[in-house]
Amino acid sequence: MKSAPKPASWAYAEDFVAESEAAAEARAASGPLGVTPIGRGGASTLTFLASVLHAKAVVEIGTGSGVSGLALFAGMAPDGILTSVDIEADHQRVARKAFLSVGIPTQRFRLIAGAALNVLPRLSDGAYDLVFIDADKVEYPAYVEQGVRLLRAGGVLAVDNALRSDRVADPNDEDDEVLAVRDALGMVSDDEQLRPVLLPVGDGLLVAVKL
């Protein structure tokens, strides 16, 4: 049995794909906003997924400072549209600036300020290539339910913080956020219309294709 990679190897893998200047600036801007963006390894994974899917329609739950949005745009089709939902309009103003800084025209993104569980039900069933979740952890099960509904066959669900700082794997940890993330993972694992894989990237990235 092979041993797990050492911390130096994990760090090497996380930083294997160079981060753009715009992404680094958006990451730096996340601190004052009080948000934690997806890690560099997770961001490069999002770019990879969007590229493989030739994604034209993407939903992002949790805009943050625009780090994940930039990663998604980097892999999306040139005419692809990102619909990003965040309860904080201030976050979206920062993300908008990040998107414009790399020449993404305003017609390629819809930034919707509001509670995700109020916004998502208004989006069309089966109309999206990729749904990325990185918002209120307690609401992860509900986000997953909505995400699966929104995806087309062959579309991909991606859920960040799936390991929750190594806490999800600890059966004795019954924090509300940990329990919610664990429930969301169970929903994905048990759903026969999904084929999942849990990637040990950053804080854990759960990825599932809709069959």
N, C-alpha and C. Protein backbone atom coordinates (compact mmCIF):
# COMPACT_ATOMS: atom_id res chain seq x y z
N MET A 1 0.84 -1.19 0.00
CA MET A 1 0.00 0.00 0.00
C MET A 1 0.88 1.25 0.00
N LYS A 2 0.61 2.15 -0.94
CA LYS A 2 1.40 3.36 -1.04
C LYS A 2 1.05 4.33 0.08
N SER A 3 2.05 5.05 0.55
CA SER A 3 1.82 6.04 1.60
C SER A 3 1.23 7.31 0.98
N ALA A 4 0.54 8.08 1.81
CA ALA A 4 -0.03 9.34 1.34
C ALA A 4 1.09 10.33 1.04
N PRO A 5 0.85 11.25 0.11
CA PRO A 5 1.86 12.26 -0.19
C PRO A 5 2.21 13.09 1.04
N LYS A 6 3.44 13.51 1.11
CA LYS A 6 3.88 14.35 2.21
C LYS A 6 3.38 15.78 2.02
N PRO A 7 3.34 16.57 3.11
CA PRO A 7 2.85 17.95 3.00
C PRO A 7 3.52 18.75 1.89
N ALA A 8 4.81 18.54 1.68
CA ALA A 8 5.50 19.28 0.62
C ALA A 8 4.94 18.94 -0.75
N SER A 9 4.55 17.69 -0.93
CA SER A 9 3.96 17.28 -2.21
C SER A 9 2.57 17.88 -2.40
N TRP A 10 1.79 17.92 -1.29
CA TRP A 10 0.48 18.55 -1.37
C TRP A 10 0.63 20.02 -1.76
N ALA A 11 1.57 20.71 -1.13
CA ALA A 11 1.79 22.12 -1.43
C ALA A 11 2.24 22.31 -2.87
N TYR A 12 3.08 21.41 -3.34
CA TYR A 12 3.56 21.47 -4.73
C TYR A 12 2.39 21.31 -5.70
N ALA A 13 1.50 20.37 -5.38
CA ALA A 13 0.34 20.14 -6.24
C ALA A 13 -0.61 21.33 -6.23
N GLU A 14 -0.82 21.93 -5.06
CA GLU A 14 -1.72 23.08 -4.96
C GLU A 14 -1.23 24.24 -5.83
N ASP A 15 0.07 24.42 -5.89
CA ASP A 15 0.63 25.57 -6.60
C ASP A 15 1.15 25.21 -7.99
N PHE A 16 0.83 24.00 -8.45
CA PHE A 16 1.38 23.51 -9.73
C PHE A 16 0.97 24.41 -10.89
N VAL A 17 -0.28 24.85 -10.90
CA VAL A 17 -0.74 25.76 -11.95
C VAL A 17 -0.62 27.19 -11.43
N ALA A 18 0.10 28.01 -12.14
CA ALA A 18 0.33 29.38 -11.71
C ALA A 18 -0.97 30.17 -11.66
N GLU A 19 -1.08 31.04 -10.68
CA GLU A 19 -2.26 31.88 -10.54
C GLU A 19 -2.04 33.19 -11.27
N SER A 20 -3.06 33.64 -11.97
CA SER A 20 -2.95 34.90 -12.72
C SER A 20 -2.86 36.08 -11.76
N GLU A 21 -2.39 37.19 -12.28
CA GLU A 21 -2.28 38.40 -11.47
C GLU A 21 -3.66 38.85 -10.99
N ALA A 22 -4.64 38.76 -11.88
CA ALA A 22 -6.00 39.17 -11.50
C ALA A 22 -6.56 38.29 -10.39
N ALA A 23 -6.29 36.99 -10.48
CA ALA A 23 -6.77 36.07 -9.44
C ALA A 23 -6.07 36.35 -8.12
N ALA A 24 -4.78 36.63 -8.17
CA ALA A 24 -4.04 36.95 -6.95
C ALA A 24 -4.58 38.23 -6.31
N GLU A 25 -4.93 39.21 -7.12
CA GLU A 25 -5.50 40.45 -6.59
C GLU A 25 -6.87 40.21 -5.98
N ALA A 26 -7.67 39.38 -6.64
CA ALA A 26 -8.99 39.06 -6.09
C ALA A 26 -8.85 38.28 -4.79
N ARG A 27 -7.87 37.41 -4.73
CA ARG A 27 -7.63 36.65 -3.49
C ARG A 27 -7.24 37.58 -2.35
N ALA A 28 -6.38 38.57 -2.66
CA ALA A 28 -5.97 39.54 -1.64
C ALA A 28 -7.16 40.38 -1.18
N ALA A 29 -8.08 40.65 -2.09
CA ALA A 29 -9.25 41.47 -1.76
C ALA A 29 -10.25 40.72 -0.89
N SER A 30 -10.14 39.40 -0.84
CA SER A 30 -11.10 38.61 -0.06
C SER A 30 -10.94 38.83 1.44
N GLY A 31 -9.73 39.14 1.89
CA GLY A 31 -9.48 39.33 3.31
C GLY A 31 -10.34 40.42 3.93
N PRO A 32 -10.30 41.64 3.39
CA PRO A 32 -11.12 42.71 3.94
C PRO A 32 -12.63 42.41 3.88
N LEU A 33 -13.04 41.55 2.96
CA LEU A 33 -14.45 41.20 2.85
C LEU A 33 -14.85 40.14 3.88
N GLY A 34 -13.85 39.50 4.48
CA GLY A 34 -14.14 38.45 5.44
C GLY A 34 -14.56 37.13 4.81
N VAL A 35 -14.14 36.90 3.57
CA VAL A 35 -14.48 35.65 2.89
C VAL A 35 -13.20 34.85 2.63
N THR A 36 -13.37 33.55 2.56
CA THR A 36 -12.24 32.67 2.26
C THR A 36 -12.44 32.07 0.88
N PRO A 37 -11.65 32.47 -0.10
CA PRO A 37 -11.85 31.98 -1.46
C PRO A 37 -11.36 30.55 -1.62
N ILE A 38 -11.77 29.93 -2.69
CA ILE A 38 -11.29 28.60 -3.01
C ILE A 38 -9.77 28.64 -3.16
N GLY A 39 -9.08 27.57 -2.75
CA GLY A 39 -7.63 27.52 -2.84
C GLY A 39 -7.15 27.46 -4.28
N ARG A 40 -5.86 27.61 -4.46
CA ARG A 40 -5.30 27.65 -5.81
C ARG A 40 -5.51 26.33 -6.54
N GLY A 41 -5.33 25.22 -5.83
CA GLY A 41 -5.55 23.92 -6.47
C GLY A 41 -7.00 23.72 -6.88
N GLY A 42 -7.91 24.15 -6.02
CA GLY A 42 -9.33 24.06 -6.35
C GLY A 42 -9.70 24.94 -7.51
N ALA A 43 -9.13 26.15 -7.55
CA ALA A 43 -9.40 27.07 -8.65
C ALA A 43 -8.94 26.49 -9.98
N SER A 44 -7.76 25.90 -10.00
CA SER A 44 -7.28 25.31 -11.25
C SER A 44 -8.13 24.11 -11.65
N THR A 45 -8.70 23.41 -10.66
CA THR A 45 -9.60 22.31 -10.96
C THR A 45 -10.89 22.83 -11.59
N LEU A 46 -11.41 23.94 -11.11
CA LEU A 46 -12.59 24.54 -11.72
C LEU A 46 -12.33 24.93 -13.17
N THR A 47 -11.16 25.51 -13.43
CA THR A 47 -10.81 25.87 -14.80
C THR A 47 -10.77 24.63 -15.68
N PHE A 48 -10.18 23.57 -15.16
CA PHE A 48 -10.09 22.31 -15.90
C PHE A 48 -11.48 21.76 -16.21
N LEU A 49 -12.35 21.74 -15.21
CA LEU A 49 -13.70 21.21 -15.40
C LEU A 49 -14.48 22.03 -16.43
N ALA A 50 -14.42 23.34 -16.30
CA ALA A 50 -15.14 24.20 -17.24
C ALA A 50 -14.62 24.02 -18.66
N SER A 51 -13.32 23.80 -18.78
CA SER A 51 -12.72 23.60 -20.09
C SER A 51 -13.14 22.26 -20.71
N VAL A 52 -13.10 21.20 -19.91
CA VAL A 52 -13.49 19.88 -20.41
C VAL A 52 -14.96 19.87 -20.85
N LEU A 53 -15.78 20.60 -20.11
CA LEU A 53 -17.21 20.65 -20.41
C LEU A 53 -17.54 21.63 -21.54
N HIS A 54 -16.55 22.44 -21.96
CA HIS A 54 -16.82 23.53 -22.90
C HIS A 54 -18.02 24.33 -22.37
N ALA A 55 -17.99 24.63 -21.10
CA ALA A 55 -19.15 25.19 -20.40
C ALA A 55 -19.58 26.53 -20.97
N LYS A 56 -20.87 26.62 -21.25
CA LYS A 56 -21.46 27.86 -21.73
C LYS A 56 -22.40 28.48 -20.72
N ALA A 57 -22.87 27.67 -19.78
CA ALA A 57 -23.81 28.16 -18.77
C ALA A 57 -23.39 27.61 -17.41
N VAL A 58 -22.98 28.49 -16.51
CA VAL A 58 -22.46 28.08 -15.21
C VAL A 58 -23.17 28.86 -14.10
N VAL A 59 -23.49 28.16 -13.02
CA VAL A 59 -24.05 28.80 -11.83
C VAL A 59 -23.02 28.71 -10.71
N GLU A 60 -22.80 29.82 -10.03
CA GLU A 60 -21.89 29.88 -8.90
C GLU A 60 -22.69 30.34 -7.68
N ILE A 61 -22.67 29.54 -6.63
CA ILE A 61 -23.36 29.88 -5.39
C ILE A 61 -22.31 30.36 -4.40
N GLY A 62 -22.20 31.67 -4.27
CA GLY A 62 -21.15 32.28 -3.46
C GLY A 62 -20.14 32.98 -4.35
N THR A 63 -20.36 34.26 -4.62
CA THR A 63 -19.49 35.02 -5.53
C THR A 63 -18.14 35.33 -4.89
N GLY A 64 -18.17 35.69 -3.60
CA GLY A 64 -16.94 36.08 -2.92
C GLY A 64 -16.31 37.28 -3.61
N SER A 65 -14.99 37.28 -3.68
CA SER A 65 -14.27 38.39 -4.29
C SER A 65 -13.97 38.16 -5.77
N GLY A 66 -14.46 37.04 -6.31
CA GLY A 66 -14.29 36.77 -7.73
C GLY A 66 -13.22 35.76 -8.08
N VAL A 67 -12.57 35.16 -7.08
CA VAL A 67 -11.49 34.20 -7.36
C VAL A 67 -12.03 33.00 -8.14
N SER A 68 -13.10 32.40 -7.65
CA SER A 68 -13.64 31.22 -8.33
C SER A 68 -14.28 31.60 -9.67
N GLY A 69 -14.89 32.79 -9.73
CA GLY A 69 -15.46 33.23 -10.99
C GLY A 69 -14.40 33.37 -12.06
N LEU A 70 -13.27 33.95 -11.73
CA LEU A 70 -12.16 34.07 -12.68
C LEU A 70 -11.68 32.69 -13.13
N ALA A 71 -11.62 31.76 -12.19
CA ALA A 71 -11.19 30.40 -12.53
C ALA A 71 -12.18 29.75 -13.50
N LEU A 72 -13.45 29.95 -13.27
CA LEU A 72 -14.47 29.39 -14.16
C LEU A 72 -14.40 30.03 -15.54
N PHE A 73 -14.30 31.35 -15.59
CA PHE A 73 -14.20 32.04 -16.88
C PHE A 73 -12.98 31.57 -17.68
N ALA A 74 -11.90 31.26 -16.99
CA ALA A 74 -10.67 30.85 -17.67
C ALA A 74 -10.86 29.56 -18.47
N GLY A 75 -11.85 28.75 -18.07
CA GLY A 75 -12.09 27.49 -18.79
C GLY A 75 -13.35 27.47 -19.62
N MET A 76 -14.24 28.44 -19.41
CA MET A 76 -15.52 28.45 -20.12
C MET A 76 -15.36 28.81 -21.60
N ALA A 77 -16.39 28.46 -22.36
CA ALA A 77 -16.43 28.84 -23.77
C ALA A 77 -16.39 30.37 -23.88
N PRO A 78 -15.85 30.90 -25.00
CA PRO A 78 -15.72 32.36 -25.13
C PRO A 78 -17.04 33.12 -25.01
N ASP A 79 -18.15 32.44 -25.29
CA ASP A 79 -19.45 33.10 -25.16
C ASP A 79 -20.22 32.61 -23.94
N GLY A 80 -19.53 31.90 -23.04
CA GLY A 80 -20.18 31.36 -21.86
C GLY A 80 -20.64 32.44 -20.90
N ILE A 81 -21.72 32.15 -20.18
CA ILE A 81 -22.29 33.11 -19.24
C ILE A 81 -22.27 32.52 -17.82
N LEU A 82 -21.77 33.30 -16.88
CA LEU A 82 -21.72 32.93 -15.47
C LEU A 82 -22.84 33.63 -14.72
N THR A 83 -23.66 32.86 -14.03
CA THR A 83 -24.67 33.40 -13.12
C THR A 83 -24.18 33.17 -11.71
N SER A 84 -23.88 34.24 -11.00
CA SER A 84 -23.27 34.12 -9.67
C SER A 84 -24.16 34.78 -8.64
N VAL A 85 -24.42 34.05 -7.55
CA VAL A 85 -25.35 34.50 -6.52
C VAL A 85 -24.60 34.69 -5.20
N ASP A 86 -24.84 35.83 -4.56
CA ASP A 86 -24.22 36.08 -3.26
C ASP A 86 -25.14 36.99 -2.47
N ILE A 87 -25.24 36.74 -1.18
CA ILE A 87 -26.13 37.56 -0.35
C ILE A 87 -25.57 38.95 -0.11
N GLU A 88 -24.26 39.13 -0.35
CA GLU A 88 -23.61 40.41 -0.09
C GLU A 88 -23.30 41.13 -1.40
N ALA A 89 -23.97 42.25 -1.62
CA ALA A 89 -23.73 43.04 -2.83
C ALA A 89 -22.31 43.59 -2.86
N ASP A 90 -21.74 43.88 -1.68
CA ASP A 90 -20.36 44.39 -1.63
C ASP A 90 -19.37 43.39 -2.21
N HIS A 91 -19.60 42.12 -1.97
CA HIS A 91 -18.74 41.09 -2.54
C HIS A 91 -18.79 41.15 -4.06
N GLN A 92 -19.99 41.30 -4.57
CA GLN A 92 -20.16 41.26 -6.02
C GLN A 92 -19.57 42.49 -6.70
N ARG A 93 -19.53 43.61 -6.02
CA ARG A 93 -18.87 44.79 -6.60
C ARG A 93 -17.38 44.53 -6.77
N VAL A 94 -16.77 43.85 -5.81
CA VAL A 94 -15.35 43.50 -5.93
C VAL A 94 -15.14 42.48 -7.04
N ALA A 95 -16.02 41.48 -7.12
CA ALA A 95 -15.91 40.46 -8.16
C ALA A 95 -16.09 41.08 -9.54
N ARG A 96 -17.05 41.97 -9.67
CA ARG A 96 -17.29 42.64 -10.95
C ARG A 96 -16.03 43.36 -11.43
N LYS A 97 -15.37 44.05 -10.51
CA LYS A 97 -14.13 44.75 -10.84
C LYS A 97 -13.08 43.76 -11.32
N ALA A 98 -13.00 42.59 -10.67
CA ALA A 98 -12.03 41.57 -11.06
C ALA A 98 -12.32 41.05 -12.46
N PHE A 99 -13.59 40.81 -12.75
CA PHE A 99 -13.96 40.29 -14.08
C PHE A 99 -13.65 41.32 -15.17
N LEU A 100 -13.99 42.56 -14.92
CA LEU A 100 -13.74 43.60 -15.92
C LEU A 100 -12.25 43.83 -16.14
N SER A 101 -11.44 43.58 -15.09
CA SER A 101 -10.00 43.82 -15.20
C SER A 101 -9.33 42.89 -16.19
N VAL A 102 -9.95 41.75 -16.48
CA VAL A 102 -9.38 40.81 -17.46
C VAL A 102 -10.16 40.83 -18.77
N GLY A 103 -11.01 41.84 -18.93
CA GLY A 103 -11.68 42.01 -20.21
C GLY A 103 -12.94 41.20 -20.42
N ILE A 104 -13.51 40.68 -19.34
CA ILE A 104 -14.76 39.93 -19.48
C ILE A 104 -15.91 40.94 -19.61
N PRO A 105 -16.63 40.92 -20.71
CA PRO A 105 -17.71 41.91 -20.90
C PRO A 105 -18.88 41.64 -19.97
N THR A 106 -19.60 42.70 -19.64
CA THR A 106 -20.68 42.58 -18.66
C THR A 106 -21.79 41.64 -19.11
N GLN A 107 -21.95 41.44 -20.41
CA GLN A 107 -23.01 40.54 -20.87
C GLN A 107 -22.69 39.07 -20.62
N ARG A 108 -21.48 38.79 -20.15
CA ARG A 108 -21.10 37.41 -19.88
C ARG A 108 -21.29 37.02 -18.42
N PHE A 109 -21.74 37.95 -17.58
CA PHE A 109 -21.99 37.55 -16.19
C PHE A 109 -23.24 38.24 -15.65
N ARG A 110 -23.97 37.44 -14.84
CA ARG A 110 -25.13 37.95 -14.11
C ARG A 110 -24.81 37.82 -12.63
N LEU A 111 -24.66 38.93 -11.96
CA LEU A 111 -24.40 38.93 -10.53
C LEU A 111 -25.70 39.23 -9.82
N ILE A 112 -26.23 38.25 -9.11
CA ILE A 112 -27.52 38.39 -8.45
C ILE A 112 -27.30 38.46 -6.94
N ALA A 113 -27.62 39.60 -6.36
CA ALA A 113 -27.47 39.78 -4.91
C ALA A 113 -28.76 39.32 -4.23
N GLY A 114 -28.62 38.33 -3.37
CA GLY A 114 -29.79 37.82 -2.67
C GLY A 114 -29.49 36.47 -2.05
N ALA A 115 -30.40 36.00 -1.23
CA ALA A 115 -30.25 34.68 -0.61
C ALA A 115 -30.37 33.61 -1.69
N ALA A 116 -29.40 32.72 -1.74
CA ALA A 116 -29.34 31.72 -2.81
C ALA A 116 -30.61 30.88 -2.88
N LEU A 117 -31.18 30.54 -1.75
CA LEU A 117 -32.36 29.66 -1.76
C LEU A 117 -33.62 30.41 -2.20
N ASN A 118 -33.53 31.72 -2.32
CA ASN A 118 -34.62 32.49 -2.94
C ASN A 118 -34.39 32.65 -4.44
N VAL A 119 -33.11 32.70 -4.83
CA VAL A 119 -32.76 32.94 -6.24
C VAL A 119 -32.77 31.66 -7.06
N LEU A 120 -32.15 30.61 -6.55
CA LEU A 120 -31.96 29.39 -7.34
C LEU A 120 -33.25 28.78 -7.87
N PRO A 121 -34.34 28.75 -7.09
CA PRO A 121 -35.58 28.15 -7.62
C PRO A 121 -36.12 28.86 -8.86
N ARG A 122 -35.66 30.08 -9.12
CA ARG A 122 -36.12 30.82 -10.29
C ARG A 122 -35.31 30.49 -11.54
N LEU A 123 -34.22 29.74 -11.39
CA LEU A 123 -33.40 29.35 -12.53
C LEU A 123 -33.95 28.07 -13.16
N SER A 124 -33.69 27.90 -14.45
CA SER A 124 -34.32 26.83 -15.23
C SER A 124 -33.74 25.45 -14.95
N ASP A 125 -34.59 24.45 -14.92
CA ASP A 125 -34.18 23.06 -14.75
C ASP A 125 -33.30 22.62 -15.92
N GLY A 126 -32.24 21.86 -15.60
CA GLY A 126 -31.45 21.21 -16.63
C GLY A 126 -30.81 22.14 -17.65
N ALA A 127 -30.55 23.39 -17.27
CA ALA A 127 -30.07 24.37 -18.24
C ALA A 127 -28.59 24.71 -18.10
N TYR A 128 -27.89 24.07 -17.16
CA TYR A 128 -26.53 24.49 -16.84
C TYR A 128 -25.52 23.35 -16.97
N ASP A 129 -24.33 23.74 -17.40
CA ASP A 129 -23.24 22.77 -17.59
C ASP A 129 -22.49 22.48 -16.30
N LEU A 130 -22.43 23.47 -15.43
CA LEU A 130 -21.62 23.33 -14.21
C LEU A 130 -22.27 24.18 -13.11
N VAL A 131 -22.35 23.63 -11.92
CA VAL A 131 -22.82 24.36 -10.75
C VAL A 131 -21.74 24.25 -9.67
N PHE A 132 -21.27 25.40 -9.21
CA PHE A 132 -20.23 25.43 -8.17
C PHE A 132 -20.81 25.99 -6.88
N ILE A 133 -20.58 25.29 -5.78
CA ILE A 133 -21.12 25.66 -4.48
C ILE A 133 -20.00 26.03 -3.51
N ASP A 134 -20.08 27.26 -2.98
CA ASP A 134 -19.12 27.71 -1.97
C ASP A 134 -19.74 28.87 -1.21
N ALA A 135 -20.73 28.56 -0.39
CA ALA A 135 -21.46 29.60 0.34
C ALA A 135 -21.75 29.10 1.75
N ASP A 136 -22.89 29.48 2.31
CA ASP A 136 -23.26 29.12 3.68
C ASP A 136 -23.26 27.60 3.85
N LYS A 137 -22.36 27.09 4.68
CA LYS A 137 -22.19 25.64 4.81
C LYS A 137 -23.45 24.96 5.37
N VAL A 138 -24.17 25.64 6.25
CA VAL A 138 -25.38 25.04 6.83
C VAL A 138 -26.42 24.76 5.76
N GLU A 139 -26.39 25.51 4.68
CA GLU A 139 -27.37 25.34 3.61
C GLU A 139 -26.87 24.44 2.48
N TYR A 140 -25.73 23.80 2.65
CA TYR A 140 -25.17 22.95 1.59
C TYR A 140 -26.15 21.88 1.09
N PRO A 141 -26.86 21.16 1.97
CA PRO A 141 -27.79 20.15 1.43
C PRO A 141 -28.84 20.75 0.48
N ALA A 142 -29.36 21.91 0.83
CA ALA A 142 -30.35 22.56 -0.03
C ALA A 142 -29.71 23.05 -1.32
N TYR A 143 -28.47 23.52 -1.25
CA TYR A 143 -27.76 23.95 -2.46
C TYR A 143 -27.54 22.75 -3.39
N VAL A 144 -27.16 21.63 -2.82
CA VAL A 144 -26.94 20.43 -3.63
C VAL A 144 -28.23 20.02 -4.33
N GLU A 145 -29.32 20.05 -3.60
CA GLU A 145 -30.62 19.70 -4.21
C GLU A 145 -30.93 20.61 -5.39
N GLN A 146 -30.73 21.90 -5.20
CA GLN A 146 -30.98 22.83 -6.28
C GLN A 146 -29.98 22.64 -7.43
N GLY A 147 -28.74 22.40 -7.09
CA GLY A 147 -27.71 22.23 -8.10
C GLY A 147 -27.98 21.06 -9.02
N VAL A 148 -28.39 19.95 -8.45
CA VAL A 148 -28.70 18.77 -9.26
C VAL A 148 -29.86 19.07 -10.20
N ARG A 149 -30.84 19.79 -9.73
CA ARG A 149 -31.98 20.16 -10.57
C ARG A 149 -31.54 21.04 -11.74
N LEU A 150 -30.62 21.93 -11.49
CA LEU A 150 -30.20 22.89 -12.51
C LEU A 150 -29.33 22.27 -13.60
N LEU A 151 -28.64 21.17 -13.29
CA LEU A 151 -27.68 20.59 -14.22
C LEU A 151 -28.35 19.82 -15.35
N ARG A 152 -27.77 19.93 -16.53
CA ARG A 152 -28.13 19.07 -17.65
C ARG A 152 -27.47 17.71 -17.46
N ALA A 153 -27.93 16.73 -18.21
CA ALA A 153 -27.24 15.43 -18.22
C ALA A 153 -25.83 15.64 -18.74
N GLY A 154 -24.86 15.11 -18.04
CA GLY A 154 -23.46 15.32 -18.40
C GLY A 154 -22.85 16.54 -17.74
N GLY A 155 -23.68 17.33 -17.04
CA GLY A 155 -23.17 18.49 -16.31
C GLY A 155 -22.51 18.08 -15.01
N VAL A 156 -21.78 19.00 -14.43
CA VAL A 156 -20.96 18.70 -13.25
C VAL A 156 -21.31 19.60 -12.08
N LEU A 157 -21.45 18.97 -10.92
CA LEU A 157 -21.62 19.66 -9.65
C LEU A 157 -20.27 19.69 -8.95
N ALA A 158 -19.87 20.85 -8.44
CA ALA A 158 -18.61 20.98 -7.70
C ALA A 158 -18.89 21.66 -6.37
N VAL A 159 -18.43 21.07 -5.27
CA VAL A 159 -18.72 21.57 -3.93
C VAL A 159 -17.41 21.78 -3.18
N ASP A 160 -17.12 23.04 -2.83
CA ASP A 160 -15.89 23.33 -2.11
C ASP A 160 -16.06 23.11 -0.61
N ASN A 161 -14.93 23.04 0.09
CA ASN A 161 -14.90 22.83 1.56
C ASN A 161 -15.52 21.50 1.95
N ALA A 162 -15.37 20.51 1.08
CA ALA A 162 -15.98 19.21 1.32
C ALA A 162 -15.30 18.42 2.44
N LEU A 163 -14.11 18.83 2.84
CA LEU A 163 -13.43 18.18 3.96
C LEU A 163 -13.47 19.05 5.22
N ARG A 164 -13.82 20.30 5.04
CA ARG A 164 -14.02 21.24 6.15
C ARG A 164 -12.88 21.18 7.18
N SER A 165 -11.68 21.49 6.71
CA SER A 165 -10.50 21.52 7.60
C SER A 165 -10.32 20.21 8.35
N ASP A 166 -10.49 19.09 7.64
CA ASP A 166 -10.30 17.74 8.18
C ASP A 166 -11.37 17.33 9.19
N ARG A 167 -12.43 18.12 9.32
CA ARG A 167 -13.42 17.85 10.35
C ARG A 167 -14.54 16.92 9.88
N VAL A 168 -14.82 16.90 8.59
CA VAL A 168 -15.91 16.07 8.07
C VAL A 168 -15.63 14.59 8.33
N ALA A 169 -14.38 14.20 8.26
CA ALA A 169 -14.00 12.79 8.44
C ALA A 169 -14.03 12.36 9.91
N ASP A 170 -14.16 13.31 10.82
CA ASP A 170 -14.18 12.99 12.26
C ASP A 170 -15.62 12.74 12.70
N PRO A 171 -15.98 11.48 12.97
CA PRO A 171 -17.37 11.18 13.33
C PRO A 171 -17.82 11.82 14.63
N ASN A 172 -16.88 12.26 15.45
CA ASN A 172 -17.22 12.88 16.72
C ASN A 172 -17.48 14.38 16.61
N ASP A 173 -17.21 14.94 15.44
CA ASP A 173 -17.43 16.36 15.23
C ASP A 173 -18.87 16.58 14.79
N GLU A 174 -19.67 17.21 15.65
CA GLU A 174 -21.08 17.41 15.36
C GLU A 174 -21.44 18.89 15.28
N ASP A 175 -20.48 19.69 14.88
CA ASP A 175 -20.75 21.09 14.61
C ASP A 175 -21.79 21.20 13.49
N ASP A 176 -22.66 22.21 13.57
CA ASP A 176 -23.75 22.34 12.60
C ASP A 176 -23.24 22.41 11.16
N GLU A 177 -22.17 23.17 10.93
CA GLU A 177 -21.65 23.29 9.58
C GLU A 177 -21.06 21.98 9.09
N VAL A 178 -20.34 21.30 9.98
CA VAL A 178 -19.75 20.00 9.61
C VAL A 178 -20.84 18.99 9.30
N LEU A 179 -21.87 18.95 10.11
CA LEU A 179 -22.98 18.02 9.88
C LEU A 179 -23.65 18.31 8.54
N ALA A 180 -23.82 19.59 8.22
CA ALA A 180 -24.47 19.96 6.97
C ALA A 180 -23.63 19.55 5.77
N VAL A 181 -22.32 19.79 5.84
CA VAL A 181 -21.44 19.38 4.75
C VAL A 181 -21.46 17.86 4.61
N ARG A 182 -21.40 17.16 5.73
CA ARG A 182 -21.44 15.69 5.71
C ARG A 182 -22.75 15.20 5.08
N ASP A 183 -23.86 15.85 5.43
CA ASP A 183 -25.15 15.47 4.85
C ASP A 183 -25.17 15.70 3.34
N ALA A 184 -24.59 16.83 2.91
CA ALA A 184 -24.55 17.14 1.49
C ALA A 184 -23.74 16.09 0.74
N LEU A 185 -22.61 15.68 1.32
CA LEU A 185 -21.79 14.65 0.68
C LEU A 185 -22.56 13.34 0.59
N GLY A 186 -23.30 13.01 1.65
CA GLY A 186 -24.10 11.80 1.64
C GLY A 186 -25.18 11.83 0.57
N MET A 187 -25.80 13.00 0.40
CA MET A 187 -26.82 13.15 -0.63
C MET A 187 -26.25 12.87 -2.01
N VAL A 188 -25.06 13.41 -2.27
CA VAL A 188 -24.43 13.22 -3.57
C VAL A 188 -24.04 11.75 -3.76
N SER A 189 -23.46 11.16 -2.72
CA SER A 189 -23.03 9.76 -2.80
C SER A 189 -24.20 8.82 -3.03
N ASP A 190 -25.35 9.13 -2.44
CA ASP A 190 -26.51 8.24 -2.52
C ASP A 190 -27.39 8.48 -3.74
N ASP A 191 -27.15 9.56 -4.45
CA ASP A 191 -28.00 9.91 -5.59
C ASP A 191 -27.58 9.08 -6.81
N GLU A 192 -28.47 8.24 -7.28
CA GLU A 192 -28.16 7.33 -8.39
C GLU A 192 -27.96 8.05 -9.71
N GLN A 193 -28.38 9.30 -9.79
CA GLN A 193 -28.17 10.03 -11.04
C GLN A 193 -26.85 10.80 -11.06
N LEU A 194 -26.06 10.62 -10.00
CA LEU A 194 -24.76 11.28 -9.91
C LEU A 194 -23.64 10.27 -9.80
N ARG A 195 -22.51 10.60 -10.41
CA ARG A 195 -21.30 9.79 -10.25
C ARG A 195 -20.23 10.69 -9.63
N PRO A 196 -19.95 10.52 -8.32
CA PRO A 196 -19.09 11.46 -7.61
C PRO A 196 -17.65 11.01 -7.42
N VAL A 197 -16.81 11.99 -7.12
CA VAL A 197 -15.46 11.73 -6.65
C VAL A 197 -15.11 12.86 -5.69
N LEU A 198 -14.47 12.52 -4.58
CA LEU A 198 -14.06 13.51 -3.59
C LEU A 198 -12.57 13.74 -3.73
N LEU A 199 -12.21 14.93 -4.17
CA LEU A 199 -10.81 15.25 -4.44
C LEU A 199 -10.18 15.94 -3.23
N PRO A 200 -9.02 15.47 -2.78
CA PRO A 200 -8.34 16.11 -1.65
C PRO A 200 -7.57 17.34 -2.11
N VAL A 201 -8.28 18.26 -2.72
CA VAL A 201 -7.70 19.51 -3.23
C VAL A 201 -8.09 20.63 -2.28
N GLY A 202 -7.12 21.39 -1.81
CA GLY A 202 -7.42 22.49 -0.90
C GLY A 202 -8.15 21.98 0.32
N ASP A 203 -9.35 22.49 0.56
CA ASP A 203 -10.16 22.07 1.70
C ASP A 203 -11.14 20.98 1.29
N GLY A 204 -10.86 20.32 0.19
CA GLY A 204 -11.71 19.24 -0.31
C GLY A 204 -12.66 19.76 -1.36
N LEU A 205 -12.69 19.11 -2.52
CA LEU A 205 -13.60 19.49 -3.60
C LEU A 205 -14.35 18.25 -4.04
N LEU A 206 -15.65 18.22 -3.77
CA LEU A 206 -16.52 17.14 -4.20
C LEU A 206 -16.98 17.46 -5.62
N VAL A 207 -16.79 16.52 -6.52
CA VAL A 207 -17.19 16.69 -7.92
C VAL A 207 -18.07 15.53 -8.31
N ALA A 208 -19.16 15.81 -9.02
CA ALA A 208 -20.07 14.75 -9.44
C ALA A 208 -20.64 15.09 -10.81
N VAL A 209 -20.68 14.11 -11.70
CA VAL A 209 -21.29 14.30 -13.00
C VAL A 209 -22.72 13.77 -12.96
N LYS A 210 -23.63 14.47 -13.58
CA LYS A 210 -25.03 14.05 -13.64
C LYS A 210 -25.21 13.11 -14.82
N LEU A 211 -25.64 11.90 -14.56
CA LEU A 211 -25.77 10.89 -15.61
C LEU A 211 -27.01 11.14 -16.46
